[in-house]
Amino acid sequence: MMLVGACVFLVSCVNYKEMSAAEVGCLPKDIVIEEAKMGATNHTWVAICQGEHYICSSYPTGDHGGVAAKCTPKK
């Protein structure tokens, strides 16, 4: 239980590639992550998929500590 609580505060516990995959249309292994930053309640990062850059952020879903991501094309 302590490990789960600790992961909330550590960037390394967030799998940005997995969270980005459905949003950007690439497999996690084909995504490059840059500019990952941790905020008080969310994370932000840039996911690169087939040369396209996406700005992504995580947000709590309120479902037992669940987290989801939203990515939009970087202009």
PDB file of N, CA and C in Angstrom:
ATOM      1  N   MET A   1       0.825  -1.186   0.000  1.00  0.00           N
ATOM      2  CA  MET A   1       0.000   0.000   0.000  1.00  0.00           C
ATOM      3  C   MET A   1       0.876   1.259   0.000  1.00  0.00           C
ATOM      4  N   MET A   2       1.972   1.232   0.741  1.00  0.00           N
ATOM      5  CA  MET A   2       2.872   2.385   0.771  1.00  0.00           C
ATOM      6  C   MET A   2       3.482   2.627  -0.601  1.00  0.00           C
ATOM      7  N   LEU A   3       3.787   1.551  -1.322  1.00  0.00           N
ATOM      8  CA  LEU A   3       4.376   1.700  -2.653  1.00  0.00           C
ATOM      9  C   LEU A   3       3.402   2.407  -3.590  1.00  0.00           C
ATOM     10  N   VAL A   4       2.135   2.048  -3.545  1.00  0.00           N
ATOM     11  CA  VAL A   4       1.142   2.704  -4.398  1.00  0.00           C
ATOM     12  C   VAL A   4       1.068   4.187  -4.065  1.00  0.00           C
ATOM     13  N   GLY A   5       1.045   4.527  -2.790  1.00  0.00           N
ATOM     14  CA  GLY A   5       1.023   5.928  -2.388  1.00  0.00           C
ATOM     15  C   GLY A   5       2.252   6.661  -2.848  1.00  0.00           C
ATOM     16  N   ALA A   6       3.403   6.011  -2.777  1.00  0.00           N
ATOM     17  CA  ALA A   6       4.652   6.640  -3.199  1.00  0.00           C
ATOM     18  C   ALA A   6       4.644   6.896  -4.700  1.00  0.00           C
ATOM     19  N   CYS A   7       4.033   6.016  -5.476  1.00  0.00           N
ATOM     20  CA  CYS A   7       4.003   6.171  -6.929  1.00  0.00           C
ATOM     21  C   CYS A   7       3.234   7.404  -7.362  1.00  0.00           C
ATOM     22  N   VAL A   8       2.300   7.847  -6.568  1.00  0.00           N
ATOM     23  CA  VAL A   8       1.556   9.054  -6.899  1.00  0.00           C
ATOM     24  C   VAL A   8       2.494  10.242  -7.004  1.00  0.00           C
ATOM     25  N   PHE A   9       3.570  10.217  -6.239  1.00  0.00           N
ATOM     26  CA  PHE A   9       4.491  11.346  -6.197  1.00  0.00           C
ATOM     27  C   PHE A   9       5.740  11.144  -7.051  1.00  0.00           C
ATOM     28  N   LEU A  10       5.890  10.019  -7.705  1.00  0.00           N
ATOM     29  CA  LEU A  10       7.092   9.754  -8.485  1.00  0.00           C
ATOM     30  C   LEU A  10       6.769   9.647  -9.968  1.00  0.00           C
ATOM     31  N   VAL A  11       7.475  10.414 -10.778  1.00  0.00           N
ATOM     32  CA  VAL A  11       7.263  10.386 -12.224  1.00  0.00           C
ATOM     33  C   VAL A  11       7.541   8.997 -12.785  1.00  0.00           C
ATOM     34  N   SER A  12       8.512   8.284 -12.225  1.00  0.00           N
ATOM     35  CA  SER A  12       8.916   6.992 -12.768  1.00  0.00           C
ATOM     36  C   SER A  12       7.809   5.955 -12.694  1.00  0.00           C
ATOM     37  N   CYS A  13       6.790   6.161 -11.881  1.00  0.00           N
ATOM     38  CA  CYS A  13       5.697   5.203 -11.766  1.00  0.00           C
ATOM     39  C   CYS A  13       4.660   5.387 -12.869  1.00  0.00           C
ATOM     40  N   VAL A  14       4.730   6.458 -13.598  1.00  0.00           N
ATOM     41  CA  VAL A  14       3.764   6.732 -14.652  1.00  0.00           C
ATOM     42  C   VAL A  14       4.318   6.194 -15.962  1.00  0.00           C
ATOM     43  N   ASN A  15       3.532   5.369 -16.651  1.00  0.00           N
ATOM     44  CA  ASN A  15       3.968   4.842 -17.930  1.00  0.00           C
ATOM     45  C   ASN A  15       3.385   5.728 -19.035  1.00  0.00           C
ATOM     46  N   TYR A  16       4.127   6.768 -19.390  1.00  0.00           N
ATOM     47  CA  TYR A  16       3.668   7.738 -20.378  1.00  0.00           C
ATOM     48  C   TYR A  16       3.391   7.090 -21.735  1.00  0.00           C
ATOM     49  N   LYS A  17       4.215   6.146 -22.125  1.00  0.00           N
ATOM     50  CA  LYS A  17       4.021   5.492 -23.426  1.00  0.00           C
ATOM     51  C   LYS A  17       2.695   4.748 -23.464  1.00  0.00           C
ATOM     52  N   GLU A  18       2.401   4.001 -22.406  1.00  0.00           N
ATOM     53  CA  GLU A  18       1.136   3.265 -22.333  1.00  0.00           C
ATOM     54  C   GLU A  18      -0.047   4.226 -22.330  1.00  0.00           C
ATOM     55  N   MET A  19       0.062   5.286 -21.558  1.00  0.00           N
ATOM     56  CA  MET A  19      -1.036   6.245 -21.456  1.00  0.00           C
ATOM     57  C   MET A  19      -1.262   6.985 -22.780  1.00  0.00           C
ATOM     58  N   SER A  20      -0.210   7.202 -23.550  1.00  0.00           N
ATOM     59  CA  SER A  20      -0.296   7.954 -24.800  1.00  0.00           C
ATOM     60  C   SER A  20      -0.795   7.113 -25.971  1.00  0.00           C
ATOM     61  N   ALA A  21      -0.560   5.822 -25.929  1.00  0.00           N
ATOM     62  CA  ALA A  21      -0.784   4.960 -27.095  1.00  0.00           C
ATOM     63  C   ALA A  21      -2.169   5.102 -27.717  1.00  0.00           C
ATOM     64  N   ALA A  22      -3.207   4.984 -26.937  1.00  0.00           N
ATOM     65  CA  ALA A  22      -4.563   5.066 -27.482  1.00  0.00           C
ATOM     66  C   ALA A  22      -4.882   6.463 -28.015  1.00  0.00           C
ATOM     67  N   GLU A  23      -4.259   7.455 -27.434  1.00  0.00           N
ATOM     68  CA  GLU A  23      -4.515   8.838 -27.831  1.00  0.00           C
ATOM     69  C   GLU A  23      -3.826   9.221 -29.140  1.00  0.00           C
ATOM     70  N   VAL A  24      -2.630   8.674 -29.381  1.00  0.00           N
ATOM     71  CA  VAL A  24      -1.854   9.102 -30.549  1.00  0.00           C
ATOM     72  C   VAL A  24      -1.851   8.086 -31.684  1.00  0.00           C
ATOM     73  N   GLY A  25      -2.345   6.882 -31.423  1.00  0.00           N
ATOM     74  CA  GLY A  25      -2.456   5.893 -32.488  1.00  0.00           C
ATOM     75  C   GLY A  25      -1.187   5.129 -32.809  1.00  0.00           C
ATOM     76  N   CYS A  26      -0.279   5.019 -31.857  1.00  0.00           N
ATOM     77  CA  CYS A  26       0.935   4.221 -32.027  1.00  0.00           C
ATOM     78  C   CYS A  26       1.030   3.200 -30.903  1.00  0.00           C
ATOM     79  N   LEU A  27       1.795   2.159 -31.136  1.00  0.00           N
ATOM     80  CA  LEU A  27       2.090   1.219 -30.062  1.00  0.00           C
ATOM     81  C   LEU A  27       3.038   1.884 -29.072  1.00  0.00           C
ATOM     82  N   PRO A  28       2.957   1.519 -27.806  1.00  0.00           N
ATOM     83  CA  PRO A  28       3.857   2.119 -26.813  1.00  0.00           C
ATOM     84  C   PRO A  28       5.334   2.032 -27.206  1.00  0.00           C
ATOM     85  N   LYS A  29       5.744   0.922 -27.806  1.00  0.00           N
ATOM     86  CA  LYS A  29       7.160   0.753 -28.169  1.00  0.00           C
ATOM     87  C   LYS A  29       7.608   1.725 -29.261  1.00  0.00           C
ATOM     88  N   ASP A  30       6.651   2.306 -29.986  1.00  0.00           N
ATOM     89  CA  ASP A  30       6.976   3.223 -31.082  1.00  0.00           C
ATOM     90  C   ASP A  30       6.858   4.695 -30.688  1.00  0.00           C
ATOM     91  N   ILE A  31       6.603   4.961 -29.412  1.00  0.00           N
ATOM     92  CA  ILE A  31       6.425   6.330 -28.929  1.00  0.00           C
ATOM     93  C   ILE A  31       7.674   6.788 -28.197  1.00  0.00           C
ATOM     94  N   VAL A  32       8.073   8.017 -28.462  1.00  0.00           N
ATOM     95  CA  VAL A  32       9.182   8.650 -27.738  1.00  0.00           C
ATOM     96  C   VAL A  32       8.566   9.712 -26.838  1.00  0.00           C
ATOM     97  N   ILE A  33       9.016   9.759 -25.580  1.00  0.00           N
ATOM     98  CA  ILE A  33       8.501  10.719 -24.612  1.00  0.00           C
ATOM     99  C   ILE A  33       9.555  11.781 -24.340  1.00  0.00           C
ATOM    100  N   GLU A  34       9.137  13.045 -24.357  1.00  0.00           N
ATOM    101  CA  GLU A  34      10.019  14.173 -24.041  1.00  0.00           C
ATOM    102  C   GLU A  34       9.294  15.125 -23.098  1.00  0.00           C
ATOM    103  N   GLU A  35      10.043  15.967 -22.442  1.00  0.00           N
ATOM    104  CA  GLU A  35       9.527  17.068 -21.625  1.00  0.00           C
ATOM    105  C   GLU A  35       8.514  16.637 -20.555  1.00  0.00           C
ATOM    106  N   ALA A  36       8.743  15.492 -19.938  1.00  0.00           N
ATOM    107  CA  ALA A  36       7.828  15.016 -18.889  1.00  0.00           C
ATOM    108  C   ALA A  36       7.971  15.892 -17.643  1.00  0.00           C
ATOM    109  N   LYS A  37       6.830  16.361 -17.138  1.00  0.00           N
ATOM    110  CA  LYS A  37       6.802  17.210 -15.943  1.00  0.00           C
ATOM    111  C   LYS A  37       5.685  16.744 -15.032  1.00  0.00           C
ATOM    112  N   MET A  38       5.941  16.819 -13.743  1.00  0.00           N
ATOM    113  CA  MET A  38       4.968  16.398 -12.760  1.00  0.00           C
ATOM    114  C   MET A  38       4.359  17.603 -12.073  1.00  0.00           C
ATOM    115  N   GLY A  39       3.030  17.681 -12.066  1.00  0.00           N
ATOM    116  CA  GLY A  39       2.322  18.744 -11.361  1.00  0.00           C
ATOM    117  C   GLY A  39       1.721  18.210 -10.076  1.00  0.00           C
ATOM    118  N   ALA A  40       0.992  19.039  -9.385  1.00  0.00           N
ATOM    119  CA  ALA A  40       0.387  18.639  -8.112  1.00  0.00           C
ATOM    120  C   ALA A  40      -0.649  17.533  -8.300  1.00  0.00           C
ATOM    121  N   THR A  41      -1.455  17.619  -9.346  1.00  0.00           N
ATOM    122  CA  THR A  41      -2.496  16.613  -9.558  1.00  0.00           C
ATOM    123  C   THR A  41      -2.427  15.958 -10.928  1.00  0.00           C
ATOM    124  N   ASN A  42      -1.496  16.379 -11.757  1.00  0.00           N
ATOM    125  CA  ASN A  42      -1.390  15.754 -13.075  1.00  0.00           C
ATOM    126  C   ASN A  42       0.046  15.791 -13.577  1.00  0.00           C
ATOM    127  N   HIS A  43       0.276  15.094 -14.665  1.00  0.00           N
ATOM    128  CA  HIS A  43       1.570  15.067 -15.338  1.00  0.00           C
ATOM    129  C   HIS A  43       1.362  15.614 -16.746  1.00  0.00           C
ATOM    130  N   THR A  44       2.404  16.202 -17.321  1.00  0.00           N
ATOM    131  CA  THR A  44       2.359  16.623 -18.721  1.00  0.00           C
ATOM    132  C   THR A  44       3.603  16.088 -19.412  1.00  0.00           C
ATOM    133  N   TRP A  45       3.500  15.851 -20.709  1.00  0.00           N
ATOM    134  CA  TRP A  45       4.619  15.338 -21.479  1.00  0.00           C
ATOM    135  C   TRP A  45       4.334  15.528 -22.963  1.00  0.00           C
ATOM    136  N   VAL A  46       5.364  15.365 -23.771  1.00  0.00           N
ATOM    137  CA  VAL A  46       5.219  15.375 -25.223  1.00  0.00           C
ATOM    138  C   VAL A  46       5.464  13.953 -25.700  1.00  0.00           C
ATOM    139  N   ALA A  47       4.492  13.416 -26.437  1.00  0.00           N
ATOM    140  CA  ALA A  47       4.622  12.083 -27.023  1.00  0.00           C
ATOM    141  C   ALA A  47       4.881  12.262 -28.521  1.00  0.00           C
ATOM    142  N   ILE A  48       5.895  11.577 -29.024  1.00  0.00           N
ATOM    143  CA  ILE A  48       6.225  11.657 -30.444  1.00  0.00           C
ATOM    144  C   ILE A  48       5.909  10.310 -31.077  1.00  0.00           C
ATOM    145  N   CYS A  49       5.043  10.363 -32.088  1.00  0.00           N
ATOM    146  CA  CYS A  49       4.563   9.159 -32.760  1.00  0.00           C
ATOM    147  C   CYS A  49       4.694   9.376 -34.261  1.00  0.00           C
ATOM    148  N   GLN A  50       5.521   8.596 -34.919  1.00  0.00           N
ATOM    149  CA  GLN A  50       5.730   8.693 -36.363  1.00  0.00           C
ATOM    150  C   GLN A  50       6.042  10.128 -36.798  1.00  0.00           C
ATOM    151  N   GLY A  51       6.879  10.802 -36.016  1.00  0.00           N
ATOM    152  CA  GLY A  51       7.308  12.152 -36.341  1.00  0.00           C
ATOM    153  C   GLY A  51       6.337  13.253 -35.921  1.00  0.00           C
ATOM    154  N   GLU A  52       5.143  12.895 -35.494  1.00  0.00           N
ATOM    155  CA  GLU A  52       4.159  13.864 -35.033  1.00  0.00           C
ATOM    156  C   GLU A  52       4.310  14.075 -33.528  1.00  0.00           C
ATOM    157  N   HIS A  53       4.215  15.312 -33.081  1.00  0.00           N
ATOM    158  CA  HIS A  53       4.343  15.645 -31.662  1.00  0.00           C
ATOM    159  C   HIS A  53       2.961  15.911 -31.074  1.00  0.00           C
ATOM    160  N   TYR A  54       2.715  15.346 -29.896  1.00  0.00           N
ATOM    161  CA  TYR A  54       1.447  15.518 -29.199  1.00  0.00           C
ATOM    162  C   TYR A  54       1.720  16.012 -27.786  1.00  0.00           C
ATOM    163  N   ILE A  55       0.966  16.985 -27.345  1.00  0.00           N
ATOM    164  CA  ILE A  55       1.046  17.445 -25.961  1.00  0.00           C
ATOM    165  C   ILE A  55       0.036  16.631 -25.169  1.00  0.00           C
ATOM    166  N   CYS A  56       0.524  15.967 -24.141  1.00  0.00           N
ATOM    167  CA  CYS A  56      -0.326  15.071 -23.365  1.00  0.00           C
ATOM    168  C   CYS A  56      -0.361  15.498 -21.903  1.00  0.00           C
ATOM    169  N   SER A  57      -1.448  15.163 -21.256  1.00  0.00           N
ATOM    170  CA  SER A  57      -1.547  15.387 -19.816  1.00  0.00           C
ATOM    171  C   SER A  57      -2.397  14.281 -19.212  1.00  0.00           C
ATOM    172  N   SER A  58      -2.114  13.992 -17.962  1.00  0.00           N
ATOM    173  CA  SER A  58      -2.891  13.001 -17.235  1.00  0.00           C
ATOM    174  C   SER A  58      -3.846  13.719 -16.306  1.00  0.00           C
ATOM    175  N   TYR A  59      -4.893  13.027 -15.935  1.00  0.00           N
ATOM    176  CA  TYR A  59      -5.846  13.585 -14.984  1.00  0.00           C
ATOM    177  C   TYR A  59      -6.480  12.430 -14.208  1.00  0.00           C
ATOM    178  N   PRO A  60      -6.816  12.676 -12.962  1.00  0.00           N
ATOM    179  CA  PRO A  60      -7.440  11.625 -12.158  1.00  0.00           C
ATOM    180  C   PRO A  60      -8.864  11.364 -12.650  1.00  0.00           C
ATOM    181  N   THR A  61      -9.240  10.095 -12.691  1.00  0.00           N
ATOM    182  CA  THR A  61     -10.587   9.745 -13.139  1.00  0.00           C
ATOM    183  C   THR A  61     -11.557   9.652 -11.972  1.00  0.00           C
ATOM    184  N   GLY A  62     -11.036   9.647 -10.754  1.00  0.00           N
ATOM    185  CA  GLY A  62     -11.894   9.515  -9.585  1.00  0.00           C
ATOM    186  C   GLY A  62     -12.349   8.086  -9.372  1.00  0.00           C
ATOM    187  N   ASP A  63     -11.832   7.173 -10.145  1.00  0.00           N
ATOM    188  CA  ASP A  63     -12.212   5.766 -10.064  1.00  0.00           C
ATOM    189  C   ASP A  63     -11.138   4.980  -9.319  1.00  0.00           C
ATOM    190  N   HIS A  64     -11.172   5.018  -8.009  1.00  0.00           N
ATOM    191  CA  HIS A  64     -10.230   4.279  -7.165  1.00  0.00           C
ATOM    192  C   HIS A  64      -8.778   4.603  -7.510  1.00  0.00           C
ATOM    193  N   GLY A  65      -8.480   5.866  -7.655  1.00  0.00           N
ATOM    194  CA  GLY A  65      -7.116   6.279  -7.948  1.00  0.00           C
ATOM    195  C   GLY A  65      -6.732   6.144  -9.405  1.00  0.00           C
ATOM    196  N   GLY A  66      -7.706   5.943 -10.276  1.00  0.00           N
ATOM    197  CA  GLY A  66      -7.425   5.788 -11.688  1.00  0.00           C
ATOM    198  C   GLY A  66      -6.924   7.079 -12.325  1.00  0.00           C
ATOM    199  N   VAL A  67      -6.185   6.918 -13.396  1.00  0.00           N
ATOM    200  CA  VAL A  67      -5.631   8.053 -14.120  1.00  0.00           C
ATOM    201  C   VAL A  67      -5.841   7.805 -15.611  1.00  0.00           C
ATOM    202  N   ALA A  68      -6.196   8.848 -16.332  1.00  0.00           N
ATOM    203  CA  ALA A  68      -6.363   8.777 -17.777  1.00  0.00           C
ATOM    204  C   ALA A  68      -5.519   9.880 -18.419  1.00  0.00           C
ATOM    205  N   ALA A  69      -5.374   9.799 -19.729  1.00  0.00           N
ATOM    206  CA  ALA A  69      -4.569  10.805 -20.441  1.00  0.00           C
ATOM    207  C   ALA A  69      -5.354  11.384 -21.601  1.00  0.00           C
ATOM    208  N   LYS A  70      -4.998  12.598 -21.950  1.00  0.00           N
ATOM    209  CA  LYS A  70      -5.544  13.270 -23.123  1.00  0.00           C
ATOM    210  C   LYS A  70      -4.361  13.861 -23.889  1.00  0.00           C
ATOM    211  N   CYS A  71      -4.297  13.608 -25.188  1.00  0.00           N
ATOM    212  CA  CYS A  71      -3.213  14.147 -26.019  1.00  0.00           C
ATOM    213  C   CYS A  71      -3.811  14.907 -27.199  1.00  0.00           C
ATOM    214  N   THR A  72      -3.195  16.031 -27.525  1.00  0.00           N
ATOM    215  CA  THR A  72      -3.618  16.818 -28.675  1.00  0.00           C
ATOM    216  C   THR A  72      -2.396  17.129 -29.538  1.00  0.00           C
ATOM    217  N   PRO A  73      -2.579  17.214 -30.844  1.00  0.00           N
ATOM    218  CA  PRO A  73      -1.445  17.508 -31.724  1.00  0.00           C
ATOM    219  C   PRO A  73      -0.810  18.851 -31.357  1.00  0.00           C
ATOM    220  N   LYS A  74       0.519  18.869 -31.354  1.00  0.00           N
ATOM    221  CA  LYS A  74       1.267  20.095 -31.062  1.00  0.00           C
ATOM    222  C   LYS A  74       1.335  20.921 -32.338  1.00  0.00           C
ATOM    223  N   LYS A  75       1.024  22.188 -32.218  1.00  0.00           N
ATOM    224  CA  LYS A  75       1.014  23.055 -33.398  1.00  0.00           C
ATOM    225  C   LYS A  75       2.275  23.859 -33.491  1.00  0.00           C
TER     226      LYS A  75
END
